[in-house]
Amino acid sequence: MSSRSKSGSKVGDLNRAELESIISEAVGAAILPLMTQIQNLCGEVEKLKSELKVKDEAINSLQVAVKFKCDELEQYGRRNNIRIFGVPENKNEDTDKLVIDVAKRMNVDLQLSSIDRSHRVGITRGTTPRPILVKFTSYATRRQIFQSKKLLKNSRMTIREDLTRERLSLLKKAIESYTERNVWSSDGVIKIKVGTDVRPLRVRNEEELASMLERHPPSA
């Protein structure tokens, strides 16, 4: 009898279950190394994803820190500035003299030499006068003027700090939630009075404002 006949005879002697078992074992033996490789690769992928997530978080934190630092430096560059709102606007006006006149209303003897420069800012909107941006030669003068702003209470004029775009946006959003009575800025820092707390809380960004809104929701 030929070897082929003997082989065929052996296969014929196997029942279906035995044949399936042999095939399953053979396939399993072949696939097992591949499955191990795939599992190892999946582990490497997860490890890389975790490392990338950590790096992304670090990059995002660094970007936030750099953005805040740049904003802080820009605000520091505005520390001698104020903006005066509500001063009637004329065609051939001298804004330095207008600033001195406003100071007189607050009983402040402001000298021309204390003004570095002043000018109107913004776009003309109907009859509403544009604010006057003033830069003083010293922080002491700026502080004296700013602290006297309450004496303009019964006039149409108001004095505000010259805030960066980021801080001005934050101030407006805080006012929308807590009202203008409870929100103000001091030396570029946004402060909010919440509840019965004696000391106002400060916020530096929108994330801190959102957190404050959760902890201290505005009263209805």
C-alpha atoms as a PDB file:
ATOM      1  CA  MET A   1       0.000   0.000   0.000  1.00  0.00           C
ATOM      2  CA  SER A   2       1.311   3.410  -0.947  1.00  0.00           C
ATOM      3  CA  SER A   3       2.089   6.124   1.659  1.00  0.00           C
ATOM      4  CA  ARG A   4      -0.692   8.264   0.200  1.00  0.00           C
ATOM      5  CA  SER A   5      -3.194   5.519   0.836  1.00  0.00           C
ATOM      6  CA  LYS A   6      -1.969   5.115   4.417  1.00  0.00           C
ATOM      7  CA  SER A   7      -2.252   8.884   4.988  1.00  0.00           C
ATOM      8  CA  GLY A   8      -5.728   8.965   3.555  1.00  0.00           C
ATOM      9  CA  SER A   9      -6.637   6.013   5.726  1.00  0.00           C
ATOM     10  CA  LYS A  10      -5.504   7.851   8.873  1.00  0.00           C
ATOM     11  CA  VAL A  11      -7.515  10.937   7.983  1.00  0.00           C
ATOM     12  CA  GLY A  12     -10.473   8.772   7.284  1.00  0.00           C
ATOM     13  CA  ASP A  13     -10.168   7.184  10.693  1.00  0.00           C
ATOM     14  CA  LEU A  14     -10.495  10.620  12.380  1.00  0.00           C
ATOM     15  CA  ASN A  15     -13.972  11.791  13.280  1.00  0.00           C
ATOM     16  CA  ARG A  16     -15.131  15.348  12.679  1.00  0.00           C
ATOM     17  CA  ALA A  17     -14.583  16.507  16.268  1.00  0.00           C
ATOM     18  CA  GLU A  18     -11.009  15.218  16.330  1.00  0.00           C
ATOM     19  CA  LEU A  19     -10.269  16.873  13.016  1.00  0.00           C
ATOM     20  CA  GLU A  20     -11.658  20.201  14.185  1.00  0.00           C
ATOM     21  CA  SER A  21      -9.604  19.915  17.376  1.00  0.00           C
ATOM     22  CA  ILE A  22      -6.396  19.283  15.445  1.00  0.00           C
ATOM     23  CA  ILE A  23      -7.099  22.191  13.102  1.00  0.00           C
ATOM     24  CA  SER A  24      -7.994  24.461  16.023  1.00  0.00           C
ATOM     25  CA  GLU A  25      -4.772  23.589  17.842  1.00  0.00           C
ATOM     26  CA  ALA A  26      -2.724  24.185  14.717  1.00  0.00           C
ATOM     27  CA  VAL A  27      -4.383  27.525  14.024  1.00  0.00           C
ATOM     28  CA  GLY A  28      -4.090  28.533  17.691  1.00  0.00           C
ATOM     29  CA  ALA A  29      -0.400  27.682  17.732  1.00  0.00           C
ATOM     30  CA  ALA A  30       0.109  29.825  14.641  1.00  0.00           C
ATOM     31  CA  ILE A  31      -2.013  32.740  15.868  1.00  0.00           C
ATOM     32  CA  LEU A  32      -0.745  32.857  19.466  1.00  0.00           C
ATOM     33  CA  PRO A  33       2.569  34.559  18.610  1.00  0.00           C
ATOM     34  CA  LEU A  34       0.695  37.054  16.444  1.00  0.00           C
ATOM     35  CA  MET A  35      -1.754  37.810  19.237  1.00  0.00           C
ATOM     36  CA  THR A  36       1.134  38.332  21.630  1.00  0.00           C
ATOM     37  CA  GLN A  37       2.731  40.747  19.171  1.00  0.00           C
ATOM     38  CA  ILE A  38      -0.553  42.597  18.718  1.00  0.00           C
ATOM     39  CA  GLN A  39      -1.034  42.891  22.482  1.00  0.00           C
ATOM     40  CA  ASN A  40       2.504  44.192  22.866  1.00  0.00           C
ATOM     41  CA  LEU A  41       1.904  46.722  20.091  1.00  0.00           C
ATOM     42  CA  CYS A  42      -1.373  47.808  21.696  1.00  0.00           C
ATOM     43  CA  GLY A  43       0.463  48.295  24.972  1.00  0.00           C
ATOM     44  CA  GLU A  44       3.093  50.417  23.242  1.00  0.00           C
ATOM     45  CA  VAL A  45       0.390  52.476  21.533  1.00  0.00           C
ATOM     46  CA  GLU A  46      -1.386  53.120  24.850  1.00  0.00           C
ATOM     47  CA  LYS A  47       1.913  54.060  26.446  1.00  0.00           C
ATOM     48  CA  LEU A  48       2.662  56.515  23.638  1.00  0.00           C
ATOM     49  CA  LYS A  49      -0.851  57.956  23.867  1.00  0.00           C
ATOM     50  CA  SER A  50      -0.408  58.457  27.600  1.00  0.00           C
ATOM     51  CA  GLU A  51       2.974  60.126  27.084  1.00  0.00           C
ATOM     52  CA  LEU A  52       1.536  62.390  24.377  1.00  0.00           C
ATOM     53  CA  LYS A  53      -1.353  63.352  26.654  1.00  0.00           C
ATOM     54  CA  VAL A  54       1.079  64.331  29.413  1.00  0.00           C
ATOM     55  CA  LYS A  55       3.164  66.342  26.942  1.00  0.00           C
ATOM     56  CA  ASP A  56       0.055  68.030  25.496  1.00  0.00           C
ATOM     57  CA  GLU A  57      -1.069  69.002  28.998  1.00  0.00           C
ATOM     58  CA  ALA A  58       2.395  70.359  29.744  1.00  0.00           C
ATOM     59  CA  ILE A  59       2.393  72.355  26.499  1.00  0.00           C
ATOM     60  CA  ASN A  60      -1.087  73.735  27.221  1.00  0.00           C
ATOM     61  CA  SER A  61      -0.044  74.736  30.738  1.00  0.00           C
ATOM     62  CA  LEU A  62       3.057  76.411  29.345  1.00  0.00           C
ATOM     63  CA  GLN A  63       0.996  78.273  26.736  1.00  0.00           C
ATOM     64  CA  VAL A  64      -1.389  79.522  29.440  1.00  0.00           C
ATOM     65  CA  ALA A  65       1.540  80.616  31.598  1.00  0.00           C
ATOM     66  CA  VAL A  66       3.234  82.430  28.707  1.00  0.00           C
ATOM     67  CA  LYS A  67      -0.039  84.096  27.693  1.00  0.00           C
ATOM     68  CA  PHE A  68      -0.641  85.273  31.261  1.00  0.00           C
ATOM     69  CA  LYS A  69       2.923  86.547  31.587  1.00  0.00           C
ATOM     70  CA  CYS A  70       2.670  88.512  28.327  1.00  0.00           C
ATOM     71  CA  ASP A  71      -0.644  89.988  29.471  1.00  0.00           C
ATOM     72  CA  GLU A  72       0.888  90.834  32.840  1.00  0.00           C
ATOM     73  CA  LEU A  73       3.806  92.628  31.178  1.00  0.00           C
ATOM     74  CA  GLU A  74       1.437  94.521  28.878  1.00  0.00           C
ATOM     75  CA  GLN A  75      -0.674  95.602  31.855  1.00  0.00           C
ATOM     76  CA  TYR A  76       2.439  96.719  33.696  1.00  0.00           C
ATOM     77  CA  GLY A  77       3.261  98.912  30.710  1.00  0.00           C
ATOM     78  CA  ARG A  78      -0.130 100.603  31.224  1.00  0.00           C
ATOM     79  CA  ARG A  79       0.310 101.177  34.955  1.00  0.00           C
ATOM     80  CA  ASN A  80       0.629 104.976  34.527  1.00  0.00           C
ATOM     81  CA  ASN A  81      -2.456 105.186  32.282  1.00  0.00           C
ATOM     82  CA  ILE A  82      -6.125 105.955  32.852  1.00  0.00           C
ATOM     83  CA  ARG A  83      -9.120 106.435  30.571  1.00  0.00           C
ATOM     84  CA  ILE A  84     -11.516 109.317  31.129  1.00  0.00           C
ATOM     85  CA  PHE A  85     -15.048 108.880  29.803  1.00  0.00           C
ATOM     86  CA  GLY A  86     -17.760 111.480  29.250  1.00  0.00           C
ATOM     87  CA  VAL A  87     -15.597 114.541  28.513  1.00  0.00           C
ATOM     88  CA  PRO A  88     -17.306 116.616  25.758  1.00  0.00           C
ATOM     89  CA  GLU A  89     -15.384 116.386  22.481  1.00  0.00           C
ATOM     90  CA  ASN A  90     -14.550 119.366  20.244  1.00  0.00           C
ATOM     91  CA  LYS A  91     -12.787 119.594  16.902  1.00  0.00           C
ATOM     92  CA  ASN A  92      -9.681 121.586  17.871  1.00  0.00           C
ATOM     93  CA  GLU A  93      -9.435 120.580  21.512  1.00  0.00           C
ATOM     94  CA  ASP A  94      -6.334 120.235  23.675  1.00  0.00           C
ATOM     95  CA  THR A  95      -6.770 116.959  25.549  1.00  0.00           C
ATOM     96  CA  ASP A  96      -3.989 117.815  28.022  1.00  0.00           C
ATOM     97  CA  LYS A  97      -5.953 120.889  29.131  1.00  0.00           C
ATOM     98  CA  LEU A  98      -9.146 118.848  29.298  1.00  0.00           C
ATOM     99  CA  VAL A  99      -7.416 116.374  31.611  1.00  0.00           C
ATOM    100  CA  ILE A 100      -6.205 119.225  33.830  1.00  0.00           C
ATOM    101  CA  ASP A 101      -9.774 120.579  33.959  1.00  0.00           C
ATOM    102  CA  VAL A 102     -11.074 117.169  35.027  1.00  0.00           C
ATOM    103  CA  ALA A 103      -8.411 117.057  37.745  1.00  0.00           C
ATOM    104  CA  LYS A 104      -9.574 120.453  39.035  1.00  0.00           C
ATOM    105  CA  ARG A 105     -13.093 119.050  39.418  1.00  0.00           C
ATOM    106  CA  MET A 106     -11.565 116.509  41.795  1.00  0.00           C
ATOM    107  CA  ASN A 107      -9.562 119.177  43.665  1.00  0.00           C
ATOM    108  CA  VAL A 108      -6.293 117.826  42.278  1.00  0.00           C
ATOM    109  CA  ASP A 109      -3.662 120.363  41.223  1.00  0.00           C
ATOM    110  CA  LEU A 110      -2.387 118.577  38.125  1.00  0.00           C
ATOM    111  CA  GLN A 111       0.539 120.155  36.294  1.00  0.00           C
ATOM    112  CA  LEU A 112       1.051 119.883  32.554  1.00  0.00           C
ATOM    113  CA  SER A 113       4.506 118.434  33.194  1.00  0.00           C
ATOM    114  CA  SER A 114       2.856 115.473  34.935  1.00  0.00           C
ATOM    115  CA  ILE A 115       1.156 114.424  31.692  1.00  0.00           C
ATOM    116  CA  ASP A 116       3.305 112.359  29.362  1.00  0.00           C
ATOM    117  CA  ARG A 117       0.684 112.341  26.606  1.00  0.00           C
ATOM    118  CA  SER A 118      -3.068 112.218  26.081  1.00  0.00           C
ATOM    119  CA  HIS A 119      -5.422 111.644  23.155  1.00  0.00           C
ATOM    120  CA  ARG A 120      -8.856 110.380  22.236  1.00  0.00           C
ATOM    121  CA  VAL A 121      -9.227 106.681  21.456  1.00  0.00           C
ATOM    122  CA  GLY A 122     -11.840 104.610  19.694  1.00  0.00           C
ATOM    123  CA  ILE A 123     -14.353 105.267  16.945  1.00  0.00           C
ATOM    124  CA  THR A 124     -16.715 108.243  16.961  1.00  0.00           C
ATOM    125  CA  ARG A 125     -20.278 107.058  17.590  1.00  0.00           C
ATOM    126  CA  GLY A 126     -22.861 109.767  17.070  1.00  0.00           C
ATOM    127  CA  THR A 127     -22.703 112.456  19.740  1.00  0.00           C
ATOM    128  CA  THR A 128     -21.058 110.220  22.353  1.00  0.00           C
ATOM    129  CA  PRO A 129     -17.578 111.592  23.142  1.00  0.00           C
ATOM    130  CA  ARG A 130     -14.677 109.206  22.790  1.00  0.00           C
ATOM    131  CA  PRO A 131     -12.697 108.449  25.947  1.00  0.00           C
ATOM    132  CA  ILE A 132      -9.405 110.208  26.599  1.00  0.00           C
ATOM    133  CA  LEU A 133      -6.410 107.959  27.186  1.00  0.00           C
ATOM    134  CA  VAL A 134      -3.911 109.630  29.519  1.00  0.00           C
ATOM    135  CA  LYS A 135      -0.398 108.520  30.351  1.00  0.00           C
ATOM    136  CA  PHE A 136       1.143 110.273  33.338  1.00  0.00           C
ATOM    137  CA  THR A 137       4.855 110.671  33.956  1.00  0.00           C
ATOM    138  CA  SER A 138       4.617 108.832  37.268  1.00  0.00           C
ATOM    139  CA  TYR A 139       2.514 106.169  38.917  1.00  0.00           C
ATOM    140  CA  ALA A 140       2.047 108.416  41.960  1.00  0.00           C
ATOM    141  CA  THR A 141       0.194 111.019  39.875  1.00  0.00           C
ATOM    142  CA  ARG A 142      -1.895 108.383  38.182  1.00  0.00           C
ATOM    143  CA  ARG A 143      -2.814 106.892  41.553  1.00  0.00           C
ATOM    144  CA  GLN A 144      -3.812 110.282  42.969  1.00  0.00           C
ATOM    145  CA  ILE A 145      -6.122 110.951  40.023  1.00  0.00           C
ATOM    146  CA  PHE A 146      -7.617 107.465  40.069  1.00  0.00           C
ATOM    147  CA  GLN A 147      -8.294 107.531  43.810  1.00  0.00           C
ATOM    148  CA  SER A 148     -10.114 110.868  43.439  1.00  0.00           C
ATOM    149  CA  LYS A 149     -12.527 109.592  40.776  1.00  0.00           C
ATOM    150  CA  LYS A 150     -15.411 109.355  43.274  1.00  0.00           C
ATOM    151  CA  LEU A 151     -15.578 113.152  43.241  1.00  0.00           C
ATOM    152  CA  LEU A 152     -16.915 112.898  39.663  1.00  0.00           C
ATOM    153  CA  LYS A 153     -19.903 110.892  40.875  1.00  0.00           C
ATOM    154  CA  ASN A 154     -22.478 113.601  40.143  1.00  0.00           C
ATOM    155  CA  SER A 155     -21.086 114.386  36.693  1.00  0.00           C
ATOM    156  CA  ARG A 156     -21.283 112.495  33.415  1.00  0.00           C
ATOM    157  CA  MET A 157     -17.591 111.715  33.594  1.00  0.00           C
ATOM    158  CA  THR A 158     -15.995 108.531  34.872  1.00  0.00           C
ATOM    159  CA  ILE A 159     -12.404 107.349  35.188  1.00  0.00           C
ATOM    160  CA  ARG A 160     -11.336 103.764  34.571  1.00  0.00           C
ATOM    161  CA  GLU A 161      -8.099 101.868  34.372  1.00  0.00           C
ATOM    162  CA  ASP A 162      -6.452 101.244  31.015  1.00  0.00           C
ATOM    163  CA  LEU A 163      -6.799  97.460  30.879  1.00  0.00           C
ATOM    164  CA  THR A 164      -5.437  94.997  28.344  1.00  0.00           C
ATOM    165  CA  ARG A 165      -7.937  93.406  25.971  1.00  0.00           C
ATOM    166  CA  GLU A 166      -7.898  90.163  27.982  1.00  0.00           C
ATOM    167  CA  ARG A 167      -8.559  91.904  31.290  1.00  0.00           C
ATOM    168  CA  LEU A 168     -11.194  94.220  29.877  1.00  0.00           C
ATOM    169  CA  SER A 169     -13.052  91.217  28.465  1.00  0.00           C
ATOM    170  CA  LEU A 170     -12.797  89.467  31.837  1.00  0.00           C
ATOM    171  CA  LEU A 171     -14.050  92.583  33.635  1.00  0.00           C
ATOM    172  CA  LYS A 172     -17.098  92.826  31.358  1.00  0.00           C
ATOM    173  CA  LYS A 173     -17.975  89.149  31.849  1.00  0.00           C
ATOM    174  CA  ALA A 174     -17.627  89.498  35.612  1.00  0.00           C
ATOM    175  CA  ILE A 175     -19.910  92.554  35.580  1.00  0.00           C
ATOM    176  CA  GLU A 176     -22.499  90.620  33.545  1.00  0.00           C
ATOM    177  CA  SER A 177     -22.651  88.040  36.340  1.00  0.00           C
ATOM    178  CA  TYR A 178     -22.097  90.059  39.511  1.00  0.00           C
ATOM    179  CA  THR A 179     -23.171  93.590  38.407  1.00  0.00           C
ATOM    180  CA  GLU A 180     -21.010  96.691  38.162  1.00  0.00           C
ATOM    181  CA  ARG A 181     -21.562  97.505  41.825  1.00  0.00           C
ATOM    182  CA  ASN A 182     -19.665  94.391  42.925  1.00  0.00           C
ATOM    183  CA  VAL A 183     -16.931  94.291  40.271  1.00  0.00           C
ATOM    184  CA  TRP A 184     -14.012  96.644  39.716  1.00  0.00           C
ATOM    185  CA  SER A 185     -10.329  96.708  38.825  1.00  0.00           C
ATOM    186  CA  SER A 186      -7.413  97.899  40.921  1.00  0.00           C
ATOM    187  CA  ASP A 187      -3.912  98.140  39.453  1.00  0.00           C
ATOM    188  CA  GLY A 188      -5.042  95.879  36.641  1.00  0.00           C
ATOM    189  CA  VAL A 189      -6.452  93.218  38.974  1.00  0.00           C
ATOM    190  CA  ILE A 190     -10.120  92.260  38.561  1.00  0.00           C
ATOM    191  CA  LYS A 191     -11.834  92.096  41.958  1.00  0.00           C
ATOM    192  CA  ILE A 192     -15.285  90.791  42.824  1.00  0.00           C
ATOM    193  CA  LYS A 193     -17.268  91.190  46.033  1.00  0.00           C
ATOM    194  CA  VAL A 194     -19.377  88.108  46.652  1.00  0.00           C
ATOM    195  CA  GLY A 195     -21.874  87.517  49.421  1.00  0.00           C
ATOM    196  CA  THR A 196     -20.999  88.995  52.778  1.00  0.00           C
ATOM    197  CA  ASP A 197     -17.242  88.509  52.401  1.00  0.00           C
ATOM    198  CA  VAL A 198     -15.395  91.593  53.592  1.00  0.00           C
ATOM    199  CA  ARG A 199     -12.434  91.047  51.307  1.00  0.00           C
ATOM    200  CA  PRO A 200     -13.103  90.940  47.557  1.00  0.00           C
ATOM    201  CA  LEU A 201     -11.909  87.945  45.564  1.00  0.00           C
ATOM    202  CA  ARG A 202      -9.601  88.354  42.587  1.00  0.00           C
ATOM    203  CA  VAL A 203      -9.821  86.556  39.255  1.00  0.00           C
ATOM    204  CA  ARG A 204      -7.058  86.300  36.662  1.00  0.00           C
ATOM    205  CA  ASN A 205      -8.770  84.466  33.820  1.00  0.00           C
ATOM    206  CA  GLU A 206     -12.063  83.039  32.586  1.00  0.00           C
ATOM    207  CA  GLU A 207     -11.360  79.658  34.185  1.00  0.00           C
ATOM    208  CA  GLU A 208     -11.104  81.277  37.613  1.00  0.00           C
ATOM    209  CA  LEU A 209     -14.274  83.275  36.934  1.00  0.00           C
ATOM    210  CA  ALA A 210     -16.136  80.085  35.960  1.00  0.00           C
ATOM    211  CA  SER A 211     -14.923  78.409  39.153  1.00  0.00           C
ATOM    212  CA  MET A 212     -16.065  81.397  41.210  1.00  0.00           C
ATOM    213  CA  LEU A 213     -19.498  81.306  39.594  1.00  0.00           C
ATOM    214  CA  GLU A 214     -19.840  77.677  40.687  1.00  0.00           C
ATOM    215  CA  ARG A 215     -18.713  78.379  44.252  1.00  0.00           C
ATOM    216  CA  HIS A 216     -20.445  81.742  44.607  1.00  0.00           C
ATOM    217  CA  PRO A 217     -23.434  81.911  42.232  1.00  0.00           C
ATOM    218  CA  PRO A 218     -24.789  85.472  41.846  1.00  0.00           C
ATOM    219  CA  SER A 219     -27.876  86.224  43.890  1.00  0.00           C
ATOM    220  CA  ALA A 220     -31.056  86.512  41.845  1.00  0.00           C
END
